[in-house]
C-alpha atoms as a PDB file:
ATOM      1  CA  MET A   1    -192.855 -81.646 -55.284  1.00  0.00           C
ATOM      2  CA  GLN A   2    -193.157 -79.012 -58.015  1.00  0.00           C
ATOM      3  CA  GLY A   3    -196.932 -79.487 -58.125  1.00  0.00           C
ATOM      4  CA  ASN A   4    -197.317 -79.113 -54.351  1.00  0.00           C
ATOM      5  CA  ALA A   5    -195.206 -75.958 -54.270  1.00  0.00           C
ATOM      6  CA  THR A   6    -197.143 -74.481 -57.169  1.00  0.00           C
ATOM      7  CA  ARG A   7    -200.469 -75.349 -55.544  1.00  0.00           C
ATOM      8  CA  LEU A   8    -199.383 -73.825 -52.243  1.00  0.00           C
ATOM      9  CA  PHE A   9    -198.166 -70.652 -53.942  1.00  0.00           C
ATOM     10  CA  ALA A  10    -201.368 -70.316 -55.942  1.00  0.00           C
ATOM     11  CA  ALA A  11    -203.480 -70.905 -52.830  1.00  0.00           C
ATOM     12  CA  LEU A  12    -201.488 -68.296 -50.987  1.00  0.00           C
ATOM     13  CA  ALA A  13    -201.916 -65.871 -53.853  1.00  0.00           C
ATOM     14  CA  ALA A  14    -205.622 -66.417 -54.215  1.00  0.00           C
ATOM     15  CA  SER A  15    -206.381 -66.239 -50.528  1.00  0.00           C
ATOM     16  CA  PHE A  16    -204.781 -62.824 -50.229  1.00  0.00           C
ATOM     17  CA  LEU A  17    -207.322 -61.760 -52.800  1.00  0.00           C
ATOM     18  CA  ALA A  18    -210.368 -62.531 -50.679  1.00  0.00           C
ATOM     19  CA  GLY A  19    -211.025 -58.915 -49.705  1.00  0.00           C
ATOM     20  CA  CYS A  20    -213.365 -56.427 -51.306  1.00  0.00           C
ATOM     21  CA  ALA A  21    -210.881 -54.752 -53.616  1.00  0.00           C
ATOM     22  CA  ALA A  22    -211.854 -53.855 -57.160  1.00  0.00           C
ATOM     23  CA  MET A  23    -210.934 -56.397 -59.781  1.00  0.00           C
ATOM     24  CA  GLY A  24    -208.549 -55.843 -62.647  1.00  0.00           C
ATOM     25  CA  PRO A  25    -208.847 -57.245 -66.159  1.00  0.00           C
ATOM     26  CA  ARG A  26    -208.562 -60.954 -66.877  1.00  0.00           C
ATOM     27  CA  ILE A  27    -204.982 -62.172 -67.078  1.00  0.00           C
ATOM     28  CA  GLU A  28    -204.022 -62.966 -70.644  1.00  0.00           C
ATOM     29  CA  GLY A  29    -203.506 -66.670 -71.186  1.00  0.00           C
ATOM     30  CA  TRP A  30    -205.289 -67.691 -67.975  1.00  0.00           C
ATOM     31  CA  PRO A  31    -206.453 -71.302 -68.326  1.00  0.00           C
ATOM     32  CA  VAL A  32    -210.067 -72.322 -67.887  1.00  0.00           C
ATOM     33  CA  LEU A  33    -210.347 -73.846 -64.431  1.00  0.00           C
ATOM     34  CA  ALA A  34    -213.094 -76.090 -63.083  1.00  0.00           C
ATOM     35  CA  VAL A  35    -214.577 -74.209 -60.125  1.00  0.00           C
ATOM     36  CA  HIS A  36    -215.676 -76.142 -57.052  1.00  0.00           C
ATOM     37  CA  GLU A  37    -217.377 -74.207 -54.269  1.00  0.00           C
ATOM     38  CA  HIS A  38    -217.295 -75.640 -50.760  1.00  0.00           C
ATOM     39  CA  TYR A  39    -219.532 -74.465 -47.925  1.00  0.00           C
ATOM     40  CA  VAL A  40    -217.930 -75.779 -44.769  1.00  0.00           C
ATOM     41  CA  PRO A  41    -218.190 -74.967 -41.059  1.00  0.00           C
ATOM     42  CA  HIS A  42    -216.684 -71.563 -40.312  1.00  0.00           C
ATOM     43  CA  VAL A  43    -213.880 -73.103 -38.275  1.00  0.00           C
ATOM     44  CA  GLU A  44    -212.860 -75.289 -41.211  1.00  0.00           C
ATOM     45  CA  MET A  45    -212.919 -72.355 -43.641  1.00  0.00           C
ATOM     46  CA  ARG A  46    -210.741 -70.333 -41.272  1.00  0.00           C
ATOM     47  CA  GLU A  47    -208.326 -73.251 -40.869  1.00  0.00           C
ATOM     48  CA  ARG A  48    -208.018 -73.526 -44.655  1.00  0.00           C
ATOM     49  CA  CYS A  49    -207.784 -69.804 -45.293  1.00  0.00           C
ATOM     50  CA  ALA A  50    -206.350 -68.092 -42.183  1.00  0.00           C
ATOM     51  CA  ARG A  51    -202.730 -68.989 -42.924  1.00  0.00           C
ATOM     52  CA  PHE A  52    -203.012 -66.974 -46.111  1.00  0.00           C
ATOM     53  CA  ALA A  53    -204.831 -63.940 -44.704  1.00  0.00           C
ATOM     54  CA  GLY A  54    -203.004 -60.810 -43.717  1.00  0.00           C
ATOM     55  CA  PHE A  55    -202.102 -60.073 -40.121  1.00  0.00           C
ATOM     56  CA  ALA A  56    -205.200 -59.338 -38.022  1.00  0.00           C
ATOM     57  CA  ALA A  57    -207.425 -59.833 -41.074  1.00  0.00           C
ATOM     58  CA  PRO A  58    -209.706 -62.826 -40.604  1.00  0.00           C
ATOM     59  CA  PRO A  59    -210.462 -64.513 -43.908  1.00  0.00           C
ATOM     60  CA  LEU A  60    -213.917 -64.292 -45.412  1.00  0.00           C
ATOM     61  CA  ALA A  61    -213.194 -66.948 -48.034  1.00  0.00           C
ATOM     62  CA  CYS A  62    -210.315 -68.147 -50.158  1.00  0.00           C
ATOM     63  CA  ALA A  63    -209.688 -69.709 -53.526  1.00  0.00           C
ATOM     64  CA  GLU A  64    -207.122 -72.451 -53.987  1.00  0.00           C
ATOM     65  CA  ILE A  65    -205.884 -72.637 -57.555  1.00  0.00           C
ATOM     66  CA  ASN A  66    -204.212 -75.742 -58.910  1.00  0.00           C
ATOM     67  CA  PHE A  67    -202.968 -75.154 -62.432  1.00  0.00           C
ATOM     68  CA  ALA A  68    -201.730 -78.738 -62.783  1.00  0.00           C
ATOM     69  CA  THR A  69    -205.271 -80.089 -62.380  1.00  0.00           C
ATOM     70  CA  LEU A  70    -206.995 -77.014 -63.864  1.00  0.00           C
ATOM     71  CA  ARG A  71    -209.052 -76.695 -60.711  1.00  0.00           C
ATOM     72  CA  CYS A  72    -210.056 -73.829 -58.447  1.00  0.00           C
ATOM     73  CA  ASP A  73    -211.561 -74.653 -55.066  1.00  0.00           C
ATOM     74  CA  ILE A  74    -213.358 -71.854 -53.263  1.00  0.00           C
ATOM     75  CA  TRP A  75    -213.918 -72.186 -49.534  1.00  0.00           C
ATOM     76  CA  PHE A  76    -216.835 -70.363 -47.914  1.00  0.00           C
ATOM     77  CA  SER A  77    -218.263 -70.443 -44.411  1.00  0.00           C
ATOM     78  CA  ALA A  78    -221.563 -72.320 -44.207  1.00  0.00           C
ATOM     79  CA  ASP A  79    -222.206 -70.670 -40.835  1.00  0.00           C
ATOM     80  CA  PHE A  80    -221.881 -67.161 -42.285  1.00  0.00           C
ATOM     81  CA  PRO A  81    -222.909 -67.566 -45.934  1.00  0.00           C
ATOM     82  CA  PRO A  82    -221.174 -65.211 -48.330  1.00  0.00           C
ATOM     83  CA  SER A  83    -222.918 -62.383 -50.108  1.00  0.00           C
ATOM     84  CA  ALA A  84    -223.508 -62.573 -53.843  1.00  0.00           C
ATOM     85  CA  HIS A  85    -220.694 -60.022 -54.209  1.00  0.00           C
ATOM     86  CA  MET A  86    -218.235 -62.232 -52.291  1.00  0.00           C
ATOM     87  CA  ARG A  87    -219.175 -65.307 -54.334  1.00  0.00           C
ATOM     88  CA  GLU A  88    -218.681 -63.394 -57.585  1.00  0.00           C
ATOM     89  CA  HIS A  89    -215.417 -61.917 -56.314  1.00  0.00           C
ATOM     90  CA  GLU A  90    -213.938 -65.356 -55.621  1.00  0.00           C
ATOM     91  CA  ARG A  91    -215.234 -66.728 -58.931  1.00  0.00           C
ATOM     92  CA  LEU A  92    -213.472 -63.874 -60.719  1.00  0.00           C
ATOM     93  CA  HIS A  93    -210.188 -64.942 -59.116  1.00  0.00           C
ATOM     94  CA  CYS A  94    -210.767 -68.448 -60.471  1.00  0.00           C
ATOM     95  CA  ALA A  95    -211.385 -66.882 -63.883  1.00  0.00           C
ATOM     96  CA  GLY A  96    -208.024 -65.102 -63.761  1.00  0.00           C
ATOM     97  CA  HIS A  97    -208.649 -61.669 -62.284  1.00  0.00           C
ATOM     98  CA  ASP A  98    -206.256 -60.065 -59.823  1.00  0.00           C
ATOM     99  CA  HIS A  99    -207.222 -57.085 -57.726  1.00  0.00           C
ATOM    100  CA  GLU A 100    -206.558 -53.790 -59.470  1.00  0.00           C
ATOM    101  CA  ASN A 101    -202.888 -52.829 -59.291  1.00  0.00           C
ATOM    102  CA  GLU A 102    -201.830 -56.301 -58.100  1.00  0.00           C
ATOM    103  CA  ASN A 103    -200.154 -59.136 -59.937  1.00  0.00           C
ATOM    104  CA  THR A 104    -200.315 -61.994 -57.444  1.00  0.00           C
ATOM    105  CA  LEU A 105    -202.215 -64.393 -59.705  1.00  0.00           C
ATOM    106  CA  ARG A 106    -200.228 -63.322 -62.770  1.00  0.00           C
ATOM    107  CA  ALA A 107    -197.034 -64.185 -60.873  1.00  0.00           C
ATOM    108  CA  ALA A 108    -198.457 -67.563 -59.773  1.00  0.00           C
ATOM    109  CA  LEU A 109    -199.335 -68.427 -63.378  1.00  0.00           C
ATOM    110  CA  ALA A 110    -195.881 -67.361 -64.598  1.00  0.00           C
ATOM    111  CA  GLN A 111    -194.203 -69.445 -61.880  1.00  0.00           C
ATOM    112  CA  TRP A 112    -196.278 -72.499 -62.802  1.00  0.00           C
ATOM    113  CA  ARG A 113    -195.521 -72.086 -66.508  1.00  0.00           C
ATOM    114  CA  ALA A 114    -191.798 -71.730 -65.757  1.00  0.00           C
ATOM    115  CA  GLY A 115    -191.910 -74.959 -63.752  1.00  0.00           C
ATOM    116  CA  VAL A 116    -193.712 -76.781 -66.574  1.00  0.00           C
ATOM    117  CA  ALA A 117    -191.186 -75.486 -69.110  1.00  0.00           C
ATOM    118  CA  LEU A 118    -188.278 -76.548 -66.891  1.00  0.00           C
ATOM    119  CA  ALA A 119    -189.775 -80.008 -66.393  1.00  0.00           C
ATOM    120  CA  ALA A 120    -190.211 -80.375 -70.165  1.00  0.00           C
ATOM    121  CA  ARG A 121    -186.539 -79.566 -70.741  1.00  0.00           C
ATOM    122  CA  HIS A 122    -185.363 -81.940 -67.993  1.00  0.00           C
ATOM    123  CA  PRO A 123    -187.609 -85.023 -68.033  1.00  0.00           C
END
């Protein structure tokens, strides 16, 4: 259960970051994640990403981060291929960069670490 909640929170966090905002510095202590890019039909990308997008803001892509498996899955539309800028933007999220003046990914990492620490104390 803890892993699913953490994965959902991280996916939610990352998908909000799919816009064109400037990127902040790399989050200290961010783990190295294996990045897997998926080019799927537009409808599938929207189904994966729309629930995380802001109101009236159709998603362009999203990154799902799973700290437990050290994996970051990026979902792009194969029907409307992303620009080089969009691909790099999503890869930066996987590498631990929030948008400037945001702390969504930092909070997701802190929540995951707190859950791991709690699990270690209560096996």
